[in-house]
Amino acid sequence: MKKDTITASGQSSVTVYDFGAHVTSWKNASGKEILYTSPSAKLDGSKAIRGGIPICFPQFGKKGPLRQHGFARNSFWTPDESFGSTEDGPALKYTLRDTGETRQSAWPHSFEAAYFVTLAPDGNSLTVELQVKNTNKNGEEFSFTTALHSYFCCNSQETTLSEYSGLKYEDNIESGVEKTQHGIIEFGKEVDRVYLGTKSTLSLPSANLVIEKVNMPDAVVWNPYIEKTAALSDMPDDDWKKFICIEPGRIGEPAFVKPGETWTCSLTLLSTS
């Protein structure tokens, strides 16, 4: 498993593994870690890395016939060694294409996915962009669901979220039953919800973080709390206290891509501390 690191102003840096094109660390200019990655995460390719920003593709969760969250996060992506700094800052590029194994799966399409990771020159902004091209030669359109399953460092016990009141959500604790959010979200229990039709800009005040998303209308809010964390072999029992997941995605309505066309989404994180 290969990892790459890019740096910018101050103590800022971003670390990405080729397994899953997985961003595992982003430190802002002051050296503060923004992303939570479990100290027990497997970094040998035996399973998806726990924490950071996993790429869920071409299926989010169990919304389809594939294994949970699809195959992208469990695949080795190809780094583009010739790709370097852009006008937006130091950057990395990774590519994933269909293989014999994926073509034998329940999602058998030909595709090319490109993933760009860009650190702003001031170190206080990180942008990731996913591009998915349909390379089917049989003229077949394909569809998929996707999410950028972001884990953010914060004290979950002191975190509340106020931007979701009035929104419909699927409650995965109760097998996806649809509910309406009333008031703030608190984390005194397991929370696993897909909020539909969220704003393009969200925030995580307890982390001094602004989250900007493009072409991802939905957002998952997740924290495993006590019992679920105890059942996770790749996370210490008390680490549910150290993060909240806010995961921009296209989940409620799949993305549809015609042959030769490319679908794009992006996520920009702004650190204000």
Protein backbone atom coordinates (compact mmCIF):
# COMPACT_ATOMS: atom_id res chain seq x y z
CA MET A 1 0.00 0.00 0.00
CA LYS A 2 1.48 3.32 -1.10
CA LYS A 3 0.86 6.70 0.47
CA ASP A 4 1.51 10.21 -0.81
CA THR A 5 1.75 13.46 1.12
CA ILE A 6 1.41 17.04 -0.09
CA THR A 7 2.20 20.14 1.95
CA ALA A 8 1.45 23.85 1.84
CA SER A 9 1.80 26.84 4.17
CA GLY A 10 2.73 26.47 7.82
CA GLN A 11 2.31 22.96 9.18
CA SER A 12 -0.38 21.93 6.69
CA SER A 13 -0.31 18.54 4.98
CA VAL A 14 -2.58 15.93 3.37
CA THR A 15 -1.92 12.19 3.30
CA VAL A 16 -3.57 9.89 0.74
CA TYR A 17 -3.27 6.11 0.29
CA ASP A 18 -3.60 4.48 -3.10
CA PHE A 19 -5.86 1.85 -1.51
CA GLY A 20 -9.26 3.47 -1.92
CA ALA A 21 -7.64 6.78 -2.99
CA HIS A 22 -8.23 7.32 0.70
CA VAL A 23 -7.46 10.66 2.37
CA THR A 24 -6.46 9.75 5.93
CA SER A 25 -5.09 13.05 7.24
CA TRP A 26 -5.44 16.77 6.71
CA LYS A 27 -3.60 19.12 9.02
CA ASN A 28 -4.35 22.83 8.60
CA ALA A 29 -1.73 25.58 8.62
CA SER A 30 -1.54 25.57 12.41
CA GLY A 31 -0.98 21.80 12.43
CA LYS A 32 -4.45 20.89 13.72
CA GLU A 33 -5.72 17.51 12.48
CA ILE A 34 -9.14 17.92 10.86
CA LEU A 35 -9.87 14.32 9.89
CA TYR A 36 -10.29 11.44 12.32
CA THR A 37 -8.64 8.16 11.34
CA SER A 38 -8.82 5.28 13.77
CA PRO A 39 -5.50 4.30 15.36
CA SER A 40 -6.66 0.70 14.83
CA ALA A 41 -7.40 1.18 11.12
CA LYS A 42 -6.06 -1.56 8.84
CA LEU A 43 -3.40 -0.16 6.49
CA ASP A 44 -2.50 -3.40 4.76
CA GLY A 45 -5.28 -3.61 2.18
CA SER A 46 -7.16 -6.30 4.11
CA LYS A 47 -10.21 -4.07 4.55
CA ALA A 48 -11.35 -0.50 3.98
CA ILE A 49 -9.49 2.10 6.05
CA ARG A 50 -11.53 3.25 9.04
CA GLY A 51 -11.70 7.05 9.08
CA GLY A 52 -10.54 9.93 6.89
CA ILE A 53 -12.56 10.24 3.68
CA PRO A 54 -13.60 6.85 2.24
CA ILE A 55 -15.11 6.92 -1.25
CA CYS A 56 -18.43 5.05 -1.38
CA PHE A 57 -18.93 4.02 -5.04
CA PRO A 58 -20.81 2.73 -6.99
CA GLN A 59 -23.15 2.06 -4.11
CA PHE A 60 -23.80 3.82 -0.84
CA GLY A 61 -24.44 1.57 2.14
CA LYS A 62 -26.67 -1.38 1.32
CA LYS A 63 -28.71 0.46 -1.31
CA GLY A 64 -28.10 -2.13 -3.99
CA PRO A 65 -26.73 -5.62 -4.66
CA LEU A 66 -23.06 -4.92 -3.93
CA ARG A 67 -21.32 -5.25 -0.59
CA GLN A 68 -21.67 -2.27 1.74
CA HIS A 69 -20.47 1.01 0.16
CA GLY A 70 -19.38 -0.63 -3.10
CA PHE A 71 -15.91 -1.62 -4.26
CA ALA A 72 -14.04 1.69 -4.71
CA ARG A 73 -12.88 1.97 -1.09
CA ASN A 74 -11.52 -1.61 -1.25
CA SER A 75 -9.68 -1.15 -4.55
CA PHE A 76 -6.18 0.04 -5.37
CA TRP A 77 -6.35 3.25 -7.39
CA THR A 78 -3.54 4.25 -9.74
CA PRO A 79 -1.64 7.41 -8.75
CA ASP A 80 -0.82 9.78 -11.61
CA GLU A 81 2.88 10.34 -11.01
CA SER A 82 2.99 13.15 -13.59
CA PHE A 83 0.25 15.14 -11.86
CA GLY A 84 1.46 17.89 -9.52
CA SER A 85 0.66 21.37 -8.33
CA THR A 86 -2.16 23.29 -9.95
CA GLU A 87 -3.11 26.94 -9.79
CA ASP A 88 -5.30 25.98 -6.82
CA GLY A 89 -2.40 24.45 -4.87
CA PRO A 90 -0.47 21.19 -4.53
CA ALA A 91 -2.56 18.27 -5.77
CA LEU A 92 -2.75 14.53 -6.33
CA LYS A 93 -4.71 12.50 -8.87
CA TYR A 94 -5.83 8.87 -8.70
CA THR A 95 -7.64 6.74 -11.30
CA LEU A 96 -9.82 3.63 -11.02
CA ARG A 97 -11.09 1.64 -14.00
CA ASP A 98 -13.28 -1.40 -14.35
CA THR A 99 -11.57 -4.76 -14.02
CA GLY A 100 -12.51 -8.35 -14.75
CA GLU A 101 -13.66 -8.63 -11.16
CA THR A 102 -15.92 -5.56 -11.27
CA ARG A 103 -17.34 -6.63 -14.64
CA GLN A 104 -18.30 -9.93 -13.01
CA SER A 105 -20.03 -8.11 -10.14
CA ALA A 106 -23.62 -6.98 -9.80
CA TRP A 107 -22.46 -3.61 -11.24
CA PRO A 108 -20.79 -4.85 -14.45
CA HIS A 109 -20.20 -1.55 -16.25
CA SER A 110 -17.14 -0.10 -17.95
CA PHE A 111 -16.09 3.13 -16.28
CA GLU A 112 -13.19 5.41 -15.48
CA ALA A 113 -13.15 7.28 -12.17
CA ALA A 114 -10.69 10.09 -11.47
CA TYR A 115 -10.16 11.53 -8.00
CA PHE A 116 -8.38 14.82 -7.38
CA VAL A 117 -7.09 15.95 -3.98
CA THR A 118 -6.05 19.61 -3.74
CA LEU A 119 -4.63 21.48 -0.74
CA ALA A 120 -5.02 25.26 -0.87
CA PRO A 121 -1.75 27.26 -0.73
CA ASP A 122 -2.68 28.64 2.70
CA GLY A 123 -3.21 25.09 4.00
CA ASN A 124 -6.63 25.85 5.45
CA SER A 125 -8.78 24.46 2.64
CA LEU A 126 -8.95 20.98 1.14
CA THR A 127 -10.90 20.06 -2.01
CA VAL A 128 -11.58 16.55 -3.29
CA GLU A 129 -13.30 15.97 -6.63
CA LEU A 130 -14.68 12.73 -8.06
CA GLN A 131 -15.25 12.33 -11.80
CA VAL A 132 -16.99 9.23 -13.15
CA LYS A 133 -16.99 8.56 -16.91
CA ASN A 134 -19.21 5.96 -18.57
CA THR A 135 -16.99 4.01 -20.99
CA ASN A 136 -19.59 1.34 -21.87
CA LYS A 137 -19.25 0.47 -25.54
CA ASN A 138 -22.69 -1.15 -25.70
CA GLY A 139 -24.51 2.19 -25.46
CA GLU A 140 -25.82 1.42 -21.98
CA GLU A 141 -26.45 4.16 -19.46
CA PHE A 142 -25.49 3.35 -15.88
CA SER A 143 -26.51 4.67 -12.51
CA PHE A 144 -24.93 4.66 -9.07
CA THR A 145 -25.11 6.13 -5.60
CA THR A 146 -22.07 7.63 -3.93
CA ALA A 147 -20.84 9.47 -0.85
CA LEU A 148 -17.62 10.89 0.55
CA HIS A 149 -17.79 9.30 3.99
CA SER A 150 -15.94 12.05 5.90
CA TYR A 151 -14.90 11.59 9.54
CA PHE A 152 -14.21 14.90 11.32
CA CYS A 153 -12.32 15.35 14.59
CA CYS A 154 -14.53 16.83 17.30
CA ASN A 155 -15.97 16.04 20.70
CA SER A 156 -19.20 14.27 19.76
CA GLN A 157 -20.61 14.71 23.26
CA GLU A 158 -20.36 18.48 22.90
CA THR A 159 -21.57 18.62 19.28
CA THR A 160 -25.00 19.71 18.06
CA LEU A 161 -26.09 20.38 14.49
CA SER A 162 -28.80 22.92 13.75
CA GLU A 163 -28.92 23.09 9.94
CA TYR A 164 -31.10 20.03 9.37
CA SER A 165 -34.35 21.01 11.09
CA GLY A 166 -37.35 20.46 8.83
CA LEU A 167 -35.51 18.07 6.50
CA LYS A 168 -36.65 14.57 5.63
CA TYR A 169 -34.23 11.80 6.54
CA GLU A 170 -33.93 8.04 6.30
CA ASP A 171 -33.22 6.57 9.72
CA ASN A 172 -30.90 3.61 9.24
CA ILE A 173 -31.28 2.66 12.89
CA GLU A 174 -34.87 1.78 11.98
CA SER A 175 -34.27 0.12 8.59
CA GLY A 176 -34.47 3.34 6.58
CA VAL A 177 -37.88 4.57 7.76
CA GLU A 178 -38.41 8.17 6.65
CA LYS A 179 -38.75 10.83 9.32
CA THR A 180 -38.60 14.60 9.65
CA GLN A 181 -35.93 16.33 11.71
CA HIS A 182 -37.33 18.57 14.43
CA GLY A 183 -34.82 20.87 16.10
CA ILE A 184 -31.13 20.16 16.57
CA ILE A 185 -29.26 16.88 16.14
CA GLU A 186 -27.60 15.61 19.31
CA PHE A 187 -25.29 12.63 19.80
CA GLY A 188 -26.32 11.02 23.07
CA LYS A 189 -27.12 7.82 21.16
CA GLU A 190 -26.22 6.11 17.90
CA VAL A 191 -27.07 8.36 14.94
CA ASP A 192 -27.18 6.99 11.37
CA ARG A 193 -29.29 9.17 9.09
CA VAL A 194 -29.43 10.12 5.40
CA TYR A 195 -30.68 13.70 5.17
CA LEU A 196 -32.24 14.48 1.80
CA GLY A 197 -31.98 17.79 -0.01
CA THR A 198 -29.47 19.47 2.27
CA LYS A 199 -27.91 22.89 1.72
CA SER A 200 -24.81 23.15 -0.45
CA THR A 201 -22.92 24.62 2.51
CA LEU A 202 -22.98 22.93 5.90
CA SER A 203 -20.94 23.46 9.05
CA LEU A 204 -19.50 21.61 12.00
CA PRO A 205 -19.09 24.35 14.63
CA SER A 206 -17.41 22.09 17.19
CA ALA A 207 -14.59 21.55 14.67
CA ASN A 208 -14.54 25.13 13.31
CA LEU A 209 -15.25 23.64 9.90
CA VAL A 210 -17.27 24.71 6.86
CA ILE A 211 -18.33 22.01 4.39
CA GLU A 212 -19.10 22.98 0.79
CA LYS A 213 -20.45 20.35 -1.58
CA VAL A 214 -21.29 20.33 -5.29
CA ASN A 215 -23.66 17.89 -7.01
CA MET A 216 -24.22 15.97 -3.78
CA PRO A 217 -27.67 16.97 -2.53
CA ASP A 218 -27.76 14.63 0.45
CA ALA A 219 -25.72 14.29 3.63
CA VAL A 220 -25.30 11.36 5.99
CA VAL A 221 -24.84 12.15 9.68
CA TRP A 222 -23.30 9.27 11.61
CA ASN A 223 -21.82 8.46 14.98
CA PRO A 224 -21.72 4.83 16.19
CA TYR A 225 -21.95 5.62 19.94
CA ILE A 226 -21.05 2.98 22.55
CA GLU A 227 -22.41 -0.41 21.46
CA LYS A 228 -21.73 -0.06 17.73
CA THR A 229 -18.16 1.10 18.38
CA ALA A 230 -17.54 -1.86 20.68
CA ALA A 231 -18.49 -4.13 17.78
CA LEU A 232 -15.96 -2.50 15.43
CA SER A 233 -12.63 -4.34 15.46
CA ASP A 234 -10.80 -1.41 13.86
CA MET A 235 -11.79 1.34 16.30
CA PRO A 236 -11.00 1.75 20.03
CA ASP A 237 -14.08 1.45 22.21
CA ASP A 238 -14.08 5.09 23.36
CA ASP A 239 -13.25 6.71 20.03
CA TRP A 240 -16.89 7.42 19.18
CA LYS A 241 -16.34 10.45 21.40
CA LYS A 242 -13.66 11.82 19.04
CA PHE A 243 -15.51 12.33 15.74
CA ILE A 244 -18.69 12.99 13.81
CA CYS A 245 -19.26 11.87 10.22
CA ILE A 246 -20.95 14.31 7.87
CA GLU A 247 -20.93 12.57 4.50
CA PRO A 248 -21.99 14.50 1.38
CA GLY A 249 -23.50 12.21 -1.21
CA ARG A 250 -25.94 11.42 -3.98
CA ILE A 251 -28.05 8.81 -2.27
CA GLY A 252 -31.78 9.54 -2.41
CA GLU A 253 -31.74 9.79 -6.21
CA PRO A 254 -28.95 7.97 -8.09
CA ALA A 255 -26.68 9.64 -10.62
CA PHE A 256 -27.31 8.56 -14.22
CA VAL A 257 -24.49 8.73 -16.78
CA LYS A 258 -24.80 8.09 -20.51
CA PRO A 259 -21.97 6.48 -22.51
CA GLY A 260 -19.13 8.92 -23.15
CA GLU A 261 -20.37 11.37 -20.53
CA THR A 262 -18.75 12.26 -17.19
CA TRP A 263 -20.44 12.97 -13.87
CA THR A 264 -18.61 15.15 -11.34
CA CYS A 265 -19.01 16.03 -7.67
CA SER A 266 -16.75 17.84 -5.24
CA LEU A 267 -16.26 18.54 -1.57
CA THR A 268 -14.38 21.54 -0.16
CA LEU A 269 -13.50 21.74 3.52
CA LEU A 270 -12.62 25.11 5.07
CA SER A 271 -10.88 25.22 8.44
CA THR A 272 -11.52 28.39 10.39
CA SER A 273 -9.29 27.61 13.39
